[in-house]
Amino acid sequence: MTLCPLCNGLHNIHITCPNCNNEMEDTGKVMDYYDDYSPYEDTNTLKKVDGFPNSLKNGGCPHLLRCPSCGHDEVVLIKE
């Protein structure tokens, strides 16, 4: 079984915005934004339809990062 270090509060991520160089904020898993019930669904099941073909196979958890200054959004795969 794998686990995401960001989802489980084991690590923080520090990525700067490519537009304004301010630090971006982790807003959670991309799958949590699909619908009202997504946060309660099995993560591995949602990875089959998350739009990232190898996230399940390679153990990546897609997180949405957002810049609070300029509003830039970016998805990064976090190694589980």
PDB file of N, CA and C in Angstrom:
ATOM      1  N   MET A   1       0.841  -1.181   0.000  1.00  0.00           N
ATOM      2  CA  MET A   1       0.000   0.000   0.000  1.00  0.00           C
ATOM      3  C   MET A   1       0.887   1.246   0.000  1.00  0.00           C
ATOM      4  N   THR A   2       0.525   2.202  -0.823  1.00  0.00           N
ATOM      5  CA  THR A   2       1.279   3.451  -0.882  1.00  0.00           C
ATOM      6  C   THR A   2       0.471   4.558  -0.228  1.00  0.00           C
ATOM      7  N   LEU A   3       1.181   5.608   0.168  1.00  0.00           N
ATOM      8  CA  LEU A   3       0.470   6.762   0.711  1.00  0.00           C
ATOM      9  C   LEU A   3       1.174   8.031   0.268  1.00  0.00           C
ATOM     10  N   CYS A   4       0.389   9.052   0.091  1.00  0.00           N
ATOM     11  CA  CYS A   4       0.902  10.340  -0.353  1.00  0.00           C
ATOM     12  C   CYS A   4       1.398  11.125   0.859  1.00  0.00           C
ATOM     13  N   PRO A   5       2.652  11.590   0.830  1.00  0.00           N
ATOM     14  CA  PRO A   5       3.172  12.332   1.973  1.00  0.00           C
ATOM     15  C   PRO A   5       2.483  13.682   2.186  1.00  0.00           C
ATOM     16  N   LEU A   6       1.912  14.270   1.133  1.00  0.00           N
ATOM     17  CA  LEU A   6       1.189  15.536   1.302  1.00  0.00           C
ATOM     18  C   LEU A   6      -0.201  15.298   1.880  1.00  0.00           C
ATOM     19  N   CYS A   7      -0.906  14.317   1.337  1.00  0.00           N
ATOM     20  CA  CYS A   7      -2.258  14.016   1.828  1.00  0.00           C
ATOM     21  C   CYS A   7      -2.246  13.618   3.302  1.00  0.00           C
ATOM     22  N   ASN A   8      -1.162  12.978   3.725  1.00  0.00           N
ATOM     23  CA  ASN A   8      -1.072  12.478   5.092  1.00  0.00           C
ATOM     24  C   ASN A   8      -0.292  13.393   6.028  1.00  0.00           C
ATOM     25  N   GLY A   9       0.048  14.583   5.565  1.00  0.00           N
ATOM     26  CA  GLY A   9       0.703  15.574   6.414  1.00  0.00           C
ATOM     27  C   GLY A   9       2.128  15.243   6.817  1.00  0.00           C
ATOM     28  N   LEU A  10       2.799  14.366   6.062  1.00  0.00           N
ATOM     29  CA  LEU A  10       4.168  13.982   6.395  1.00  0.00           C
ATOM     30  C   LEU A  10       5.201  14.967   5.852  1.00  0.00           C
ATOM     31  N   HIS A  11       4.853  15.647   4.764  1.00  0.00           N
ATOM     32  CA  HIS A  11       5.759  16.611   4.138  1.00  0.00           C
ATOM     33  C   HIS A  11       4.965  17.813   3.658  1.00  0.00           C
ATOM     34  N   ASN A  12       5.679  18.895   3.424  1.00  0.00           N
ATOM     35  CA  ASN A  12       5.123  20.081   2.777  1.00  0.00           C
ATOM     36  C   ASN A  12       5.798  20.227   1.425  1.00  0.00           C
ATOM     37  N   ILE A  13       5.178  20.955   0.538  1.00  0.00           N
ATOM     38  CA  ILE A  13       5.765  21.186  -0.774  1.00  0.00           C
ATOM     39  C   ILE A  13       6.070  22.670  -0.915  1.00  0.00           C
ATOM     40  N   HIS A  14       7.213  22.965  -1.511  1.00  0.00           N
ATOM     41  CA  HIS A  14       7.624  24.352  -1.707  1.00  0.00           C
ATOM     42  C   HIS A  14       7.974  24.540  -3.183  1.00  0.00           C
ATOM     43  N   ILE A  15       7.028  25.043  -3.939  1.00  0.00           N
ATOM     44  CA  ILE A  15       7.223  25.306  -5.361  1.00  0.00           C
ATOM     45  C   ILE A  15       6.871  26.759  -5.613  1.00  0.00           C
ATOM     46  N   THR A  16       7.726  27.431  -6.362  1.00  0.00           N
ATOM     47  CA  THR A  16       7.453  28.835  -6.670  1.00  0.00           C
ATOM     48  C   THR A  16       6.659  28.942  -7.959  1.00  0.00           C
ATOM     49  N   CYS A  17       5.831  29.939  -8.026  1.00  0.00           N
ATOM     50  CA  CYS A  17       4.986  30.200  -9.184  1.00  0.00           C
ATOM     51  C   CYS A  17       5.868  30.619 -10.366  1.00  0.00           C
ATOM     52  N   PRO A  18       5.659  30.020 -11.542  1.00  0.00           N
ATOM     53  CA  PRO A  18       6.458  30.408 -12.703  1.00  0.00           C
ATOM     54  C   PRO A  18       6.116  31.809 -13.220  1.00  0.00           C
ATOM     55  N   ASN A  19       4.971  32.352 -12.819  1.00  0.00           N
ATOM     56  CA  ASN A  19       4.556  33.678 -13.289  1.00  0.00           C
ATOM     57  C   ASN A  19       5.072  34.811 -12.414  1.00  0.00           C
ATOM     58  N   CYS A  20       4.982  34.657 -11.081  1.00  0.00           N
ATOM     59  CA  CYS A  20       5.306  35.785 -10.193  1.00  0.00           C
ATOM     60  C   CYS A  20       6.354  35.447  -9.129  1.00  0.00           C
ATOM     61  N   ASN A  21       6.827  34.208  -9.108  1.00  0.00           N
ATOM     62  CA  ASN A  21       7.869  33.741  -8.178  1.00  0.00           C
ATOM     63  C   ASN A  21       7.455  33.717  -6.711  1.00  0.00           C
ATOM     64  N   ASN A  22       6.172  33.806  -6.404  1.00  0.00           N
ATOM     65  CA  ASN A  22       5.703  33.618  -5.034  1.00  0.00           C
ATOM     66  C   ASN A  22       5.484  32.130  -4.793  1.00  0.00           C
ATOM     67  N   GLU A  23       5.447  31.730  -3.526  1.00  0.00           N
ATOM     68  CA  GLU A  23       5.254  30.318  -3.207  1.00  0.00           C
ATOM     69  C   GLU A  23       3.812  29.903  -3.468  1.00  0.00           C
ATOM     70  N   MET A  24       3.659  28.751  -4.134  1.00  0.00           N
ATOM     71  CA  MET A  24       2.332  28.226  -4.436  1.00  0.00           C
ATOM     72  C   MET A  24       1.819  27.420  -3.248  1.00  0.00           C
ATOM     73  N   GLU A  25       0.493  27.309  -3.131  1.00  0.00           N
ATOM     74  CA  GLU A  25      -0.140  26.571  -2.037  1.00  0.00           C
ATOM     75  C   GLU A  25      -0.735  25.274  -2.561  1.00  0.00           C
ATOM     76  N   ASP A  26      -0.575  24.208  -1.791  1.00  0.00           N
ATOM     77  CA  ASP A  26      -1.192  22.930  -2.123  1.00  0.00           C
ATOM     78  C   ASP A  26      -2.669  23.014  -1.752  1.00  0.00           C
ATOM     79  N   THR A  27      -3.542  22.805  -2.732  1.00  0.00           N
ATOM     80  CA  THR A  27      -4.981  22.850  -2.464  1.00  0.00           C
ATOM     81  C   THR A  27      -5.600  21.455  -2.419  1.00  0.00           C
ATOM     82  N   GLY A  28      -4.761  20.421  -2.442  1.00  0.00           N
ATOM     83  CA  GLY A  28      -5.255  19.057  -2.303  1.00  0.00           C
ATOM     84  C   GLY A  28      -5.216  18.259  -3.588  1.00  0.00           C
ATOM     85  N   LYS A  29      -5.764  17.053  -3.509  1.00  0.00           N
ATOM     86  CA  LYS A  29      -5.788  16.151  -4.659  1.00  0.00           C
ATOM     87  C   LYS A  29      -6.720  16.694  -5.737  1.00  0.00           C
ATOM     88  N   VAL A  30      -6.311  16.535  -6.976  1.00  0.00           N
ATOM     89  CA  VAL A  30      -7.132  16.957  -8.109  1.00  0.00           C
ATOM     90  C   VAL A  30      -8.477  16.238  -8.071  1.00  0.00           C
ATOM     91  N   MET A  31      -8.469  14.957  -7.713  1.00  0.00           N
ATOM     92  CA  MET A  31      -9.693  14.157  -7.717  1.00  0.00           C
ATOM     93  C   MET A  31     -10.740  14.670  -6.736  1.00  0.00           C
ATOM     94  N   ASP A  32     -10.320  15.381  -5.708  1.00  0.00           N
ATOM     95  CA  ASP A  32     -11.270  15.905  -4.724  1.00  0.00           C
ATOM     96  C   ASP A  32     -12.188  16.970  -5.310  1.00  0.00           C
ATOM     97  N   TYR A  33     -11.836  17.502  -6.466  1.00  0.00           N
ATOM     98  CA  TYR A  33     -12.623  18.559  -7.099  1.00  0.00           C
ATOM     99  C   TYR A  33     -13.602  18.028  -8.148  1.00  0.00           C
ATOM    100  N   TYR A  34     -13.641  16.723  -8.370  1.00  0.00           N
ATOM    101  CA  TYR A  34     -14.528  16.164  -9.397  1.00  0.00           C
ATOM    102  C   TYR A  34     -15.997  16.395  -9.076  1.00  0.00           C
ATOM    103  N   ASP A  35     -16.416  16.049  -7.873  1.00  0.00           N
ATOM    104  CA  ASP A  35     -17.803  16.277  -7.447  1.00  0.00           C
ATOM    105  C   ASP A  35     -17.859  16.266  -5.919  1.00  0.00           C
ATOM    106  N   ASP A  36     -19.050  16.416  -5.376  1.00  0.00           N
ATOM    107  CA  ASP A  36     -19.209  16.522  -3.920  1.00  0.00           C
ATOM    108  C   ASP A  36     -18.753  15.280  -3.156  1.00  0.00           C
ATOM    109  N   TYR A  37     -18.813  14.109  -3.796  1.00  0.00           N
ATOM    110  CA  TYR A  37     -18.500  12.866  -3.099  1.00  0.00           C
ATOM    111  C   TYR A  37     -17.090  12.354  -3.372  1.00  0.00           C
ATOM    112  N   SER A  38     -16.362  12.970  -4.279  1.00  0.00           N
ATOM    113  CA  SER A  38     -15.018  12.510  -4.634  1.00  0.00           C
ATOM    114  C   SER A  38     -14.066  12.381  -3.450  1.00  0.00           C
ATOM    115  N   PRO A  39     -14.062  13.313  -2.500  1.00  0.00           N
ATOM    116  CA  PRO A  39     -13.135  13.157  -1.377  1.00  0.00           C
ATOM    117  C   PRO A  39     -13.375  11.890  -0.548  1.00  0.00           C
ATOM    118  N   TYR A  40     -14.546  11.293  -0.695  1.00  0.00           N
ATOM    119  CA  TYR A  40     -14.895  10.108   0.091  1.00  0.00           C
ATOM    120  C   TYR A  40     -14.728   8.812  -0.696  1.00  0.00           C
ATOM    121  N   GLU A  41     -14.382   8.917  -1.971  1.00  0.00           N
ATOM    122  CA  GLU A  41     -14.195   7.738  -2.818  1.00  0.00           C
ATOM    123  C   GLU A  41     -12.794   7.162  -2.617  1.00  0.00           C
ATOM    124  N   ASP A  42     -12.625   5.907  -3.012  1.00  0.00           N
ATOM    125  CA  ASP A  42     -11.327   5.248  -2.954  1.00  0.00           C
ATOM    126  C   ASP A  42     -10.367   5.931  -3.927  1.00  0.00           C
ATOM    127  N   THR A  43      -9.212   6.335  -3.434  1.00  0.00           N
ATOM    128  CA  THR A  43      -8.244   7.076  -4.248  1.00  0.00           C
ATOM    129  C   THR A  43      -7.762   6.258  -5.438  1.00  0.00           C
ATOM    130  N   ASN A  44      -7.469   4.978  -5.249  1.00  0.00           N
ATOM    131  CA  ASN A  44      -6.981   4.157  -6.357  1.00  0.00           C
ATOM    132  C   ASN A  44      -8.030   3.985  -7.445  1.00  0.00           C
ATOM    133  N   THR A  45      -9.286   3.940  -7.085  1.00  0.00           N
ATOM    134  CA  THR A  45     -10.354   3.866  -8.083  1.00  0.00           C
ATOM    135  C   THR A  45     -10.409   5.158  -8.888  1.00  0.00           C
ATOM    136  N   LEU A  46     -10.305   6.296  -8.219  1.00  0.00           N
ATOM    137  CA  LEU A  46     -10.342   7.580  -8.915  1.00  0.00           C
ATOM    138  C   LEU A  46      -9.115   7.794  -9.791  1.00  0.00           C
ATOM    139  N   LYS A  47      -7.986   7.197  -9.432  1.00  0.00           N
ATOM    140  CA  LYS A  47      -6.780   7.341 -10.250  1.00  0.00           C
ATOM    141  C   LYS A  47      -6.944   6.702 -11.626  1.00  0.00           C
ATOM    142  N   LYS A  48      -7.872   5.779 -11.759  1.00  0.00           N
ATOM    143  CA  LYS A  48      -8.116   5.144 -13.057  1.00  0.00           C
ATOM    144  C   LYS A  48      -8.740   6.111 -14.048  1.00  0.00           C
ATOM    145  N   VAL A  49      -9.350   7.188 -13.543  1.00  0.00           N
ATOM    146  CA  VAL A  49     -10.032   8.151 -14.422  1.00  0.00           C
ATOM    147  C   VAL A  49      -9.603   9.592 -14.141  1.00  0.00           C
ATOM    148  N   ASP A  50      -8.419   9.776 -13.554  1.00  0.00           N
ATOM    149  CA  ASP A  50      -8.008  11.124 -13.146  1.00  0.00           C
ATOM    150  C   ASP A  50      -7.390  11.961 -14.261  1.00  0.00           C
ATOM    151  N   GLY A  51      -7.208  11.375 -15.452  1.00  0.00           N
ATOM    152  CA  GLY A  51      -6.614  12.120 -16.556  1.00  0.00           C
ATOM    153  C   GLY A  51      -5.102  12.015 -16.613  1.00  0.00           C
ATOM    154  N   PHE A  52      -4.504  11.299 -15.675  1.00  0.00           N
ATOM    155  CA  PHE A  52      -3.063  11.078 -15.653  1.00  0.00           C
ATOM    156  C   PHE A  52      -2.845   9.577 -15.818  1.00  0.00           C
ATOM    157  N   PRO A  53      -2.546   9.130 -17.043  1.00  0.00           N
ATOM    158  CA  PRO A  53      -2.558   7.702 -17.372  1.00  0.00           C
ATOM    159  C   PRO A  53      -1.720   6.802 -16.469  1.00  0.00           C
ATOM    160  N   ASN A  54      -0.637   7.290 -15.925  1.00  0.00           N
ATOM    161  CA  ASN A  54       0.248   6.428 -15.140  1.00  0.00           C
ATOM    162  C   ASN A  54       0.240   6.725 -13.650  1.00  0.00           C
ATOM    163  N   SER A  55      -0.698   7.520 -13.167  1.00  0.00           N
ATOM    164  CA  SER A  55      -0.682   7.877 -11.743  1.00  0.00           C
ATOM    165  C   SER A  55      -0.879   6.659 -10.841  1.00  0.00           C
ATOM    166  N   LEU A  56      -1.717   5.736 -11.238  1.00  0.00           N
ATOM    167  CA  LEU A  56      -1.938   4.534 -10.423  1.00  0.00           C
ATOM    168  C   LEU A  56      -0.741   3.595 -10.527  1.00  0.00           C
ATOM    169  N   LYS A  57      -0.293   3.356 -11.748  1.00  0.00           N
ATOM    170  CA  LYS A  57       0.808   2.418 -11.977  1.00  0.00           C
ATOM    171  C   LYS A  57       2.121   2.906 -11.359  1.00  0.00           C
ATOM    172  N   ASN A  58       2.393   4.197 -11.472  1.00  0.00           N
ATOM    173  CA  ASN A  58       3.664   4.747 -10.995  1.00  0.00           C
ATOM    174  C   ASN A  58       3.603   5.302  -9.576  1.00  0.00           C
ATOM    175  N   GLY A  59       2.456   5.230  -8.931  1.00  0.00           N
ATOM    176  CA  GLY A  59       2.338   5.705  -7.554  1.00  0.00           C
ATOM    177  C   GLY A  59       2.454   7.205  -7.422  1.00  0.00           C
ATOM    178  N   GLY A  60       1.746   7.933  -8.258  1.00  0.00           N
ATOM    179  CA  GLY A  60       1.751   9.393  -8.191  1.00  0.00           C
ATOM    180  C   GLY A  60       0.403   9.916  -7.750  1.00  0.00           C
ATOM    181  N   CYS A  61       0.407  10.894  -6.885  1.00  0.00           N
ATOM    182  CA  CYS A  61      -0.833  11.506  -6.407  1.00  0.00           C
ATOM    183  C   CYS A  61      -0.910  12.922  -6.991  1.00  0.00           C
ATOM    184  N   PRO A  62      -1.834  13.177  -7.927  1.00  0.00           N
ATOM    185  CA  PRO A  62      -1.916  14.497  -8.549  1.00  0.00           C
ATOM    186  C   PRO A  62      -2.490  15.544  -7.594  1.00  0.00           C
ATOM    187  N   HIS A  63      -1.695  16.564  -7.316  1.00  0.00           N
ATOM    188  CA  HIS A  63      -2.109  17.659  -6.431  1.00  0.00           C
ATOM    189  C   HIS A  63      -2.226  18.946  -7.222  1.00  0.00           C
ATOM    190  N   LEU A  64      -3.223  19.730  -6.875  1.00  0.00           N
ATOM    191  CA  LEU A  64      -3.428  21.032  -7.496  1.00  0.00           C
ATOM    192  C   LEU A  64      -2.739  22.092  -6.646  1.00  0.00           C
ATOM    193  N   LEU A  65      -1.813  22.810  -7.253  1.00  0.00           N
ATOM    194  CA  LEU A  65      -1.134  23.916  -6.585  1.00  0.00           C
ATOM    195  C   LEU A  65      -1.685  25.216  -7.147  1.00  0.00           C
ATOM    196  N   ARG A  66      -1.864  26.185  -6.278  1.00  0.00           N
ATOM    197  CA  ARG A  66      -2.426  27.471  -6.692  1.00  0.00           C
ATOM    198  C   ARG A  66      -1.592  28.587  -6.092  1.00  0.00           C
ATOM    199  N   CYS A  67      -1.346  29.606  -6.915  1.00  0.00           N
ATOM    200  CA  CYS A  67      -0.613  30.769  -6.439  1.00  0.00           C
ATOM    201  C   CYS A  67      -1.608  31.763  -5.848  1.00  0.00           C
ATOM    202  N   PRO A  68      -1.448  32.129  -4.582  1.00  0.00           N
ATOM    203  CA  PRO A  68      -2.385  33.065  -3.961  1.00  0.00           C
ATOM    204  C   PRO A  68      -2.230  34.494  -4.485  1.00  0.00           C
ATOM    205  N   SER A  69      -1.097  34.783  -5.111  1.00  0.00           N
ATOM    206  CA  SER A  69      -0.859  36.143  -5.598  1.00  0.00           C
ATOM    207  C   SER A  69      -1.457  36.397  -6.974  1.00  0.00           C
ATOM    208  N   CYS A  70      -1.172  35.496  -7.926  1.00  0.00           N
ATOM    209  CA  CYS A  70      -1.622  35.746  -9.302  1.00  0.00           C
ATOM    210  C   CYS A  70      -2.705  34.786  -9.775  1.00  0.00           C
ATOM    211  N   GLY A  71      -2.993  33.722  -8.995  1.00  0.00           N
ATOM    212  CA  GLY A  71      -4.061  32.797  -9.349  1.00  0.00           C
ATOM    213  C   GLY A  71      -3.651  31.679 -10.294  1.00  0.00           C
ATOM    214  N   HIS A  72      -2.374  31.560 -10.602  1.00  0.00           N
ATOM    215  CA  HIS A  72      -1.894  30.495 -11.491  1.00  0.00           C
ATOM    216  C   HIS A  72      -2.136  29.135 -10.835  1.00  0.00           C
ATOM    217  N   ASP A  73      -2.668  28.175 -11.607  1.00  0.00           N
ATOM    218  CA  ASP A  73      -2.890  26.803 -11.148  1.00  0.00           C
ATOM    219  C   ASP A  73      -1.926  25.872 -11.861  1.00  0.00           C
ATOM    220  N   GLU A  74      -1.506  24.836 -11.153  1.00  0.00           N
ATOM    221  CA  GLU A  74      -0.587  23.860 -11.722  1.00  0.00           C
ATOM    222  C   GLU A  74      -0.810  22.525 -11.026  1.00  0.00           C
ATOM    223  N   VAL A  75      -0.753  21.437 -11.789  1.00  0.00           N
ATOM    224  CA  VAL A  75      -0.891  20.098 -11.217  1.00  0.00           C
ATOM    225  C   VAL A  75       0.487  19.445 -11.177  1.00  0.00           C
ATOM    226  N   VAL A  76       0.835  18.886 -10.028  1.00  0.00           N
ATOM    227  CA  VAL A  76       2.090  18.146  -9.882  1.00  0.00           C
ATOM    228  C   VAL A  76       1.771  16.753  -9.350  1.00  0.00           C
ATOM    229  N   LEU A  77       2.521  15.768  -9.821  1.00  0.00           N
ATOM    230  CA  LEU A  77       2.373  14.404  -9.327  1.00  0.00           C
ATOM    231  C   LEU A  77       3.349  14.196  -8.180  1.00  0.00           C
ATOM    232  N   ILE A  78       2.819  13.870  -7.025  1.00  0.00           N
ATOM    233  CA  ILE A  78       3.618  13.641  -5.826  1.00  0.00           C
ATOM    234  C   ILE A  78       3.888  12.144  -5.710  1.00  0.00           C
ATOM    235  N   LYS A  79       5.152  11.777  -5.580  1.00  0.00           N
ATOM    236  CA  LYS A  79       5.534  10.369  -5.466  1.00  0.00           C
ATOM    237  C   LYS A  79       5.043   9.798  -4.144  1.00  0.00           C
ATOM    238  N   GLU A  80       4.335   8.682  -4.241  1.00  0.00           N
ATOM    239  CA  GLU A  80       3.812   8.010  -3.047  1.00  0.00           C
ATOM    240  C   GLU A  80       4.825   7.008  -2.526  1.00  0.00           C
TER     241      GLU A  80
END
